[in-house]
Every structure is written in C-alpha cells, then in structure tokens.
Amino acid sequence: MKKNKIGLIIVIVLALLAAWFIYNNKKGTIKETLRDFAVADTASVTKIFLADKDGNQVKLERQPSGIWTVNEKYNARMDAINMLLMTMKRIDIKEPVGKVAQDNVIKRLAAKAVKCEIFQNGELTKAYYVGTETADQTGTYMILIDTKTMQTSAKPFVTYIPGFEGYLTTRYFTKESDWRDRTVYSYVPDKIKSIKLEVPYTPEHGYELIIKGNNDYVIKQLSNGKEYSNFDTVAVKQYLSYFQNIHFETMDVMMKKNEIDSALASKPINILTITDESGKVNVTKFFPRKPKKDQLDVDGKLMEYDPERMNALLNEGDFVVVQYYVFGKLMPPADYFLKKIRS
C-alpha cells in the first residue's frame, strides 16, 4: 500500500513536471517572438521608415532638437508620432495565426501590408509588416522581418494592445501629407510686429494692426491710411492671442491640379499677412471652396460655396482646407477692436 502511494506521487510529480515543461517551452517561444515586435525603449528611436505596396514612403526622423521631421521636408505631427511610438512600445501578441489560416494570411500580407523599419540610435533594430485587421476587428495581422537578412519570418501573428479594443493598421499610415505638421500659425503674442488683413472684394474693410510696444498699438485703414481711434487694448490683446495654435484641417487632395490652378488665379476672399519681430513675413491667401455635391441651403437651393470650409494658400505654397470656425476669428472687421459703448 505504501509503495503504491509513493508510485502514485512520483507519477503525479512527473506529470506536473512534464506539463510545466511543455507549457513553458511553448510560452517561451511565443514570448520571445512577442519581444521581437515590441520596442521597450522608444526614447532611443531615432528613425521610422514606413512603406506600402502602392509606392508611398515616409521617413520619420527625430532631430537633435527633439523635433520629428517627415521626409526631410516638414515637421511631423507630434500627436501621430506619439501614438505610433506608444503603439510600438505596448504592442503585444494576442495569438499565433492558426496553421489552417497561415497561408491565406501570408498571401494577404504580401499583397497589402505596410513595411515598418525602426532605428534606434541610428541602427536598424526592428522590422515587420503590418497587415489588415482580423474579422472581429480586435487584432492586427503582423509578421516579423529578420533585420540581418531582411527575410520575413515563417509565422505571422495576431497583435493587439492590451486594454484597447480595435486594430492597429491605421496607425501605420504612409501618406506624407497625413504625417506633416498642420500648424499654420504659432506665434507668441508679444513677438508679433504687425498683422495686415486685405479684403480684395471690399478694400475699404482692410486694415493693418501695428504693435509698437506694450499696450501701444496703431490700427489704420488700408484704403486711405486713416488711423482708428478709441480702440480697446483688451480686444487687441485677445486677438493677438488667437495666433498661438492654429492648424489647417487637411491637404486638399480632392481637387485636381487644373481646379487648384483656377482657384489660385481667382480673387481671394482675404489675405492675411503677419510680420514677426525679426521681420519674417507670413502670407496666407483664402479662397472660397466648392460645397459637397448636392449640398443645399436652408431654402433648399444648391449652395455655391461651402459654408463651413474654405481653401488657403499657405506661405510655403501648400494648398489646404481650413475651417471658418478656426480661422474666422483671425479676420474680424475693424470695429471688433473699437471700444463698446455701454448704454
């Protein structure tokens, strides 16, 4: 009886050891692959290269100043950069792709995937393909690339971010225009020297605000040079504060080149010119924008122009879409600055 008990105990111990070994062997393999996807130290990431199957390529680089750039031409959107870095840090494996589905997933990755290369301190340390979402849209198909041979791994995985319900494909976008910073104006109020608003259709409404010093302003009408008097310095200060964080909505990718050329050849609605204390001039021209197809007004008539958005030609030459809600406050009539008469 005693021998049987000892034998049973030995069998149980051996079974537990075997189960532990099998579990940890499988777990170790997956966990090792998991670590290959994640980037623990995103602070050391100096460059990210993204490319899709349609030929779009984006090179994101961290400059010594800490600013990220896009394709060595524009400053990058920091919200998008931070989201991508967070994704790279927290990305985890949800499950390996099953054997039955592997061939199909690999074919999909080969046909439609974004290649992501991650450089840390100037060295390529991570690379993988980002595929489409899973059927339930809670995971993303990905497959690793060997950074030495640049050959893809034999095993794709379903990845996710713990606690996040959704897929990650949309965070790895490859259009240059979507990555670039959308800042139009970012001025410290006391660094502005002058602001000029031209109104080509009604020139008499144009004016220039000149900042001569603290609480020392001049506002003059452009059409005749007449200076306004009795204006409210608080209103002027509030107006100057509006230029600190102004962004365009998007690049105008819907308009064809001939349509853009036609718009630029037309008379702008307004022209806003800002000169800073160093003498640098920033000129933005605003144009009416065609409405959405078959967009009707309150009377049921087809609208001639979009009531919420307009186009703008930026100082750098980009043609973009801006919102009246954001930019309208930058182009008030001159009487905005006048002192209000209290009854």
Protein backbone atom coordinates (compact mmCIF):
# COMPACT_ATOMS: atom_id res chain seq x y z
CA MET A 1 0.00 0.00 0.00
CA LYS A 2 2.82 2.35 0.92
CA LYS A 3 4.67 1.54 -2.32
CA ASN A 4 1.54 2.27 -4.35
CA LYS A 5 1.22 5.68 -2.70
CA ILE A 6 4.88 6.50 -3.42
CA GLY A 7 4.46 5.38 -7.02
CA LEU A 8 1.33 7.49 -7.43
CA ILE A 9 3.10 10.52 -6.01
CA ILE A 10 6.03 10.00 -8.41
CA VAL A 11 3.64 9.71 -11.37
CA ILE A 12 1.83 12.91 -10.36
CA VAL A 13 5.10 14.80 -9.88
CA LEU A 14 6.42 13.64 -13.24
CA ALA A 15 3.15 14.58 -14.94
CA LEU A 16 3.26 18.04 -13.38
CA LEU A 17 6.89 18.48 -14.43
CA ALA A 18 6.09 17.42 -17.98
CA ALA A 19 3.11 19.79 -18.18
CA TRP A 20 5.21 22.61 -16.76
CA PHE A 21 7.99 21.95 -19.29
CA ILE A 22 5.60 21.82 -22.28
CA TYR A 23 3.75 24.96 -21.19
CA ASN A 24 6.89 26.99 -20.59
CA ASN A 25 8.51 25.76 -23.78
CA LYS A 26 5.52 26.96 -25.82
CA LYS A 27 5.17 30.13 -23.78
CA GLY A 28 8.86 30.87 -24.11
CA THR A 29 8.74 30.60 -27.89
CA ILE A 30 5.78 32.94 -28.17
CA LYS A 31 7.14 35.37 -25.61
CA GLU A 32 10.46 35.56 -27.43
CA THR A 33 8.63 36.44 -30.63
CA LEU A 34 6.49 38.88 -28.70
CA ARG A 35 9.53 40.77 -27.51
CA ASP A 36 10.71 40.99 -31.10
CA PHE A 37 7.63 43.07 -32.01
CA ALA A 38 7.71 45.46 -29.07
CA VAL A 39 10.24 48.27 -28.62
CA ALA A 40 10.88 48.72 -24.92
CA ASP A 41 12.93 51.91 -25.18
CA THR A 42 11.09 54.20 -27.57
CA ALA A 43 13.13 57.16 -26.30
CA SER A 44 16.07 55.74 -28.28
CA VAL A 45 14.09 55.53 -31.54
CA THR A 46 15.71 57.95 -33.99
CA LYS A 47 14.08 56.98 -37.28
CA ILE A 48 10.99 55.15 -38.54
CA PHE A 49 10.55 54.13 -42.16
CA LEU A 50 7.10 53.20 -43.48
CA ALA A 51 6.31 51.96 -46.99
CA ASP A 52 3.24 50.42 -48.61
CA LYS A 53 2.62 48.34 -51.71
CA ASP A 54 1.43 51.40 -53.69
CA GLY A 55 4.82 53.08 -53.56
CA ASN A 56 4.09 55.52 -50.74
CA GLN A 57 7.07 56.01 -48.43
CA VAL A 58 7.52 58.04 -45.27
CA LYS A 59 10.74 58.64 -43.38
CA LEU A 60 10.17 59.99 -39.88
CA GLU A 61 13.31 61.26 -38.13
CA ARG A 62 13.98 62.64 -34.68
CA GLN A 63 16.23 65.67 -34.93
CA PRO A 64 18.83 66.60 -32.25
CA SER A 65 16.43 69.32 -31.12
CA GLY A 66 13.78 66.67 -30.40
CA ILE A 67 11.57 67.74 -33.30
CA TRP A 68 10.44 64.98 -35.68
CA THR A 69 10.51 65.58 -39.43
CA VAL A 70 8.78 63.96 -42.42
CA ASN A 71 10.87 63.05 -45.46
CA GLU A 72 13.37 65.77 -44.52
CA LYS A 73 10.85 68.42 -45.64
CA TYR A 74 8.26 69.11 -42.95
CA ASN A 75 7.88 68.99 -39.21
CA ALA A 76 5.83 65.96 -38.21
CA ARG A 77 2.53 65.85 -36.34
CA MET A 78 3.56 65.08 -32.77
CA ASP A 79 0.18 63.56 -31.90
CA ALA A 80 0.69 60.95 -34.65
CA ILE A 81 4.35 60.38 -33.70
CA ASN A 82 3.49 59.85 -30.05
CA MET A 83 0.66 57.47 -30.96
CA LEU A 84 2.98 55.40 -33.16
CA LEU A 85 5.72 55.26 -30.51
CA MET A 86 3.18 54.23 -27.87
CA THR A 87 1.91 51.50 -30.20
CA MET A 88 5.44 50.21 -30.78
CA LYS A 89 6.05 50.09 -27.05
CA ARG A 90 2.82 48.41 -25.97
CA ILE A 91 2.20 46.08 -28.91
CA ASP A 92 1.60 42.52 -27.79
CA ILE A 93 0.72 39.15 -29.29
CA LYS A 94 -2.89 38.12 -28.99
CA GLU A 95 -2.34 34.72 -30.57
CA PRO A 96 -0.36 32.97 -33.29
CA VAL A 97 -2.18 32.59 -36.59
CA GLY A 98 -3.52 29.02 -36.82
CA LYS A 99 -1.96 26.61 -39.30
CA VAL A 100 -5.10 26.43 -41.42
CA ALA A 101 -5.19 30.20 -41.88
CA GLN A 102 -1.43 30.83 -42.18
CA ASP A 103 -1.10 30.58 -45.97
CA ASN A 104 -4.06 32.88 -46.53
CA VAL A 105 -2.80 35.47 -44.03
CA ILE A 106 0.71 35.41 -45.53
CA LYS A 107 -0.75 35.98 -49.00
CA ARG A 108 -2.76 38.92 -47.68
CA LEU A 109 0.35 40.37 -46.03
CA ALA A 110 2.26 40.00 -49.29
CA ALA A 111 -0.50 41.75 -51.26
CA LYS A 112 -1.40 44.52 -48.86
CA ALA A 113 0.81 45.42 -45.93
CA VAL A 114 2.88 48.30 -44.62
CA LYS A 115 6.55 47.68 -44.04
CA CYS A 116 7.82 49.25 -40.82
CA GLU A 117 11.52 49.65 -40.05
CA ILE A 118 12.58 51.03 -36.67
CA PHE A 119 16.01 52.52 -36.00
CA GLN A 120 17.38 53.07 -32.51
CA ASN A 121 20.36 55.38 -32.16
CA GLY A 122 20.83 55.17 -35.91
CA GLU A 123 20.80 51.35 -36.14
CA LEU A 124 18.04 49.19 -37.61
CA THR A 125 16.78 47.11 -34.69
CA LYS A 126 13.25 46.10 -35.63
CA ALA A 127 11.28 45.43 -38.80
CA TYR A 128 7.90 43.93 -39.56
CA TYR A 129 4.93 44.01 -41.91
CA VAL A 130 1.63 45.43 -40.68
CA GLY A 131 -1.36 43.78 -42.30
CA THR A 132 -5.12 44.14 -42.15
CA GLU A 133 -7.44 43.68 -39.21
CA THR A 134 -8.90 40.37 -38.07
CA ALA A 135 -12.54 39.52 -38.81
CA ASP A 136 -13.68 40.76 -35.38
CA GLN A 137 -11.57 43.95 -35.78
CA THR A 138 -9.85 43.45 -32.43
CA GLY A 139 -6.50 42.29 -33.75
CA THR A 140 -3.97 43.05 -36.49
CA TYR A 141 -2.05 40.56 -38.61
CA MET A 142 1.71 41.15 -38.49
CA ILE A 143 4.84 39.26 -39.41
CA LEU A 144 8.42 39.94 -38.38
CA ILE A 145 11.37 40.64 -40.67
CA ASP A 146 14.89 39.49 -39.81
CA THR A 147 16.90 42.72 -39.63
CA LYS A 148 20.09 40.97 -40.75
CA THR A 149 18.74 39.11 -43.80
CA MET A 150 15.58 41.21 -44.31
CA GLN A 151 13.68 37.96 -44.86
CA THR A 152 10.22 37.58 -43.37
CA SER A 153 9.52 35.14 -40.56
CA ALA A 154 7.66 31.93 -41.35
CA LYS A 155 5.00 32.64 -38.72
CA PRO A 156 2.50 35.53 -38.69
CA PHE A 157 0.76 36.66 -35.51
CA VAL A 158 -2.34 38.49 -34.43
CA THR A 159 -1.20 41.52 -32.47
CA TYR A 160 -3.05 43.99 -30.25
CA ILE A 161 -2.60 46.44 -27.42
CA PRO A 162 -3.90 45.15 -24.08
CA GLY A 163 -6.92 47.15 -22.97
CA PHE A 164 -7.53 48.63 -26.42
CA GLU A 165 -10.49 47.43 -28.48
CA GLY A 166 -9.60 47.84 -32.13
CA TYR A 167 -6.89 47.21 -34.68
CA LEU A 168 -3.57 48.96 -35.29
CA THR A 169 -3.29 49.19 -39.08
CA THR A 170 -4.48 52.80 -39.23
CA ARG A 171 -1.60 53.97 -37.04
CA TYR A 172 0.97 52.97 -39.66
CA PHE A 173 -0.16 55.31 -42.46
CA THR A 174 2.14 56.12 -45.35
CA LYS A 175 1.00 59.37 -46.97
CA GLU A 176 3.41 62.24 -46.46
CA SER A 177 0.59 64.79 -46.26
CA ASP A 178 -1.04 62.91 -43.36
CA TRP A 179 2.17 62.96 -41.31
CA ARG A 180 3.19 66.57 -41.74
CA ASP A 181 2.53 69.11 -39.03
CA ARG A 182 -0.61 71.17 -39.76
CA THR A 183 0.41 74.30 -37.93
CA VAL A 184 -0.28 77.50 -39.85
CA TYR A 185 0.32 79.99 -37.04
CA SER A 186 2.21 79.51 -33.81
CA TYR A 187 3.12 82.96 -32.55
CA VAL A 188 3.92 84.24 -29.09
CA PRO A 189 1.72 87.37 -28.96
CA ASP A 190 4.47 89.79 -27.96
CA LYS A 191 6.65 88.57 -30.86
CA ILE A 192 4.20 89.80 -33.50
CA LYS A 193 5.12 93.12 -35.12
CA SER A 194 2.11 93.62 -37.37
CA ILE A 195 -0.98 91.93 -38.82
CA LYS A 196 -2.50 93.09 -42.09
CA LEU A 197 -5.90 91.96 -43.36
CA GLU A 198 -6.65 92.66 -47.02
CA VAL A 199 -10.20 92.21 -48.29
CA PRO A 200 -9.96 92.33 -52.12
CA TYR A 201 -13.73 92.38 -52.78
CA THR A 202 -14.27 95.27 -50.34
CA PRO A 203 -10.89 97.03 -49.94
CA GLU A 204 -12.35 99.62 -47.56
CA HIS A 205 -12.70 96.87 -44.96
CA GLY A 206 -8.97 96.10 -44.95
CA TYR A 207 -6.77 97.28 -42.11
CA GLU A 208 -3.35 96.85 -40.51
CA LEU A 209 -2.65 96.39 -36.82
CA ILE A 210 0.83 97.56 -35.83
CA ILE A 211 2.27 96.63 -32.44
CA LYS A 212 4.68 99.35 -31.32
CA GLY A 213 5.11 98.20 -27.75
CA ASN A 214 3.26 97.13 -24.62
CA ASN A 215 -0.29 98.49 -24.90
CA ASP A 216 0.88 100.73 -27.75
CA TYR A 217 -0.99 99.88 -30.94
CA VAL A 218 -1.87 101.51 -34.23
CA ILE A 219 -4.80 100.37 -36.38
CA LYS A 220 -5.13 102.00 -39.77
CA GLN A 221 -7.42 101.55 -42.75
CA LEU A 222 -5.57 100.26 -45.81
CA SER A 223 -7.65 102.09 -48.41
CA ASN A 224 -6.90 105.59 -47.12
CA GLY A 225 -4.30 105.24 -44.36
CA LYS A 226 -6.69 106.63 -41.76
CA GLU A 227 -5.92 105.56 -38.21
CA TYR A 228 -8.66 104.26 -35.97
CA SER A 229 -9.06 105.82 -32.55
CA ASN A 230 -10.81 104.80 -29.36
CA PHE A 231 -9.98 101.10 -29.74
CA ASP A 232 -9.98 98.60 -26.91
CA THR A 233 -6.48 97.36 -25.96
CA VAL A 234 -8.02 94.31 -24.25
CA ALA A 235 -9.67 93.32 -27.53
CA VAL A 236 -6.33 93.76 -29.34
CA LYS A 237 -4.54 91.55 -26.83
CA GLN A 238 -7.21 88.90 -27.08
CA TYR A 239 -6.95 88.98 -30.87
CA LEU A 240 -3.16 88.56 -30.79
CA SER A 241 -3.54 85.54 -28.50
CA TYR A 242 -5.57 83.73 -31.19
CA PHE A 243 -2.45 83.18 -33.33
CA GLN A 244 -0.70 80.83 -30.91
CA ASN A 245 -2.04 77.45 -32.05
CA ILE A 246 -3.82 77.50 -35.42
CA HIS A 247 -3.90 74.47 -37.73
CA PHE A 248 -5.33 73.66 -41.14
CA GLU A 249 -7.71 70.72 -41.40
CA THR A 250 -6.16 68.74 -44.23
CA MET A 251 -4.33 68.99 -47.53
CA ASP A 252 -6.77 69.41 -50.41
CA VAL A 253 -6.27 66.07 -52.16
CA MET A 254 -9.75 66.05 -53.73
CA MET A 255 -9.17 68.97 -56.10
CA LYS A 256 -7.47 68.33 -59.42
CA LYS A 257 -4.47 70.41 -60.45
CA ASN A 258 -6.44 72.42 -63.03
CA GLU A 259 -9.08 73.18 -60.36
CA ILE A 260 -6.40 74.37 -57.93
CA ASP A 261 -4.78 76.50 -60.65
CA SER A 262 -8.18 78.02 -61.43
CA ALA A 263 -8.81 78.79 -57.76
CA LEU A 264 -5.40 80.41 -57.34
CA ALA A 265 -5.99 82.56 -60.41
CA SER A 266 -9.20 83.93 -58.89
CA LYS A 267 -9.50 86.78 -56.43
CA PRO A 268 -9.03 85.63 -52.81
CA ILE A 269 -11.61 86.33 -50.11
CA ASN A 270 -8.99 87.62 -47.69
CA ILE A 271 -5.23 87.94 -47.49
CA LEU A 272 -3.67 87.75 -44.05
CA THR A 273 -0.08 88.94 -43.61
CA ILE A 274 1.78 88.55 -40.33
CA THR A 275 5.20 90.04 -39.68
CA ASP A 276 7.14 88.98 -36.59
CA GLU A 277 9.68 91.00 -34.64
CA SER A 278 12.55 89.56 -36.72
CA GLY A 279 10.95 90.86 -39.91
CA LYS A 280 9.84 87.45 -41.19
CA VAL A 281 6.65 87.72 -43.25
CA ASN A 282 3.94 85.04 -43.37
CA VAL A 283 1.28 85.49 -46.08
CA THR A 284 -1.87 83.33 -46.33
CA LYS A 285 -4.50 83.73 -49.05
CA PHE A 286 -8.03 82.42 -48.53
CA PHE A 287 -10.37 81.27 -51.31
CA PRO A 288 -13.99 80.08 -51.39
CA ARG A 289 -14.39 76.33 -51.56
CA LYS A 290 -16.95 74.39 -53.55
CA PRO A 291 -19.53 72.65 -51.36
CA LYS A 292 -20.11 68.95 -51.13
CA LYS A 293 -22.03 67.55 -54.06
CA ASP A 294 -25.73 68.49 -53.98
CA GLN A 295 -25.34 70.41 -50.69
CA LEU A 296 -28.46 72.55 -50.13
CA ASP A 297 -29.03 75.69 -48.09
CA VAL A 298 -31.92 76.30 -45.70
CA ASP A 299 -34.14 77.30 -48.62
CA GLY A 300 -33.44 74.04 -50.46
CA LYS A 301 -31.23 75.69 -53.09
CA LEU A 302 -27.88 74.35 -54.22
CA MET A 303 -25.05 76.05 -52.37
CA GLU A 304 -22.44 77.89 -54.40
CA TYR A 305 -19.77 77.69 -51.71
CA ASP A 306 -19.01 75.54 -48.69
CA PRO A 307 -20.39 77.35 -45.60
CA GLU A 308 -18.01 75.66 -43.18
CA ARG A 309 -14.69 75.45 -45.00
CA MET A 310 -12.52 77.41 -47.37
CA ASN A 311 -9.22 76.81 -49.13
CA ALA A 312 -5.99 78.53 -48.20
CA LEU A 313 -2.67 79.03 -49.96
CA LEU A 314 -0.05 78.90 -47.25
CA ASN A 315 3.16 80.87 -47.15
CA GLU A 316 5.12 77.74 -48.11
CA GLY A 317 2.98 77.20 -51.21
CA ASP A 318 0.73 74.39 -49.94
CA PHE A 319 -2.96 74.45 -50.84
CA VAL A 320 -5.03 73.30 -47.86
CA VAL A 321 -8.51 73.14 -46.38
CA VAL A 322 -9.29 75.30 -43.34
CA GLN A 323 -12.39 75.76 -41.20
CA TYR A 324 -14.21 79.08 -40.83
CA TYR A 325 -14.72 78.17 -37.18
CA VAL A 326 -10.94 78.16 -36.61
CA PHE A 327 -9.82 80.94 -38.97
CA GLY A 328 -12.81 83.26 -38.89
CA LYS A 329 -11.75 84.78 -35.58
CA LEU A 330 -8.41 85.78 -37.16
CA MET A 331 -10.15 88.06 -39.70
CA PRO A 332 -12.64 90.21 -37.78
CA PRO A 333 -13.93 93.56 -39.05
CA ALA A 334 -12.09 96.62 -37.80
CA ASP A 335 -14.90 97.59 -35.43
CA TYR A 336 -14.07 94.46 -33.42
CA PHE A 337 -11.28 96.49 -31.83
CA LEU A 338 -13.37 99.57 -31.05
CA LYS A 339 -14.50 100.24 -27.52
CA LYS A 340 -18.06 99.17 -26.97
CA ILE A 341 -20.45 101.91 -25.90
CA ARG A 342 -22.35 100.83 -22.80
CA SER A 343 -25.93 102.07 -22.56
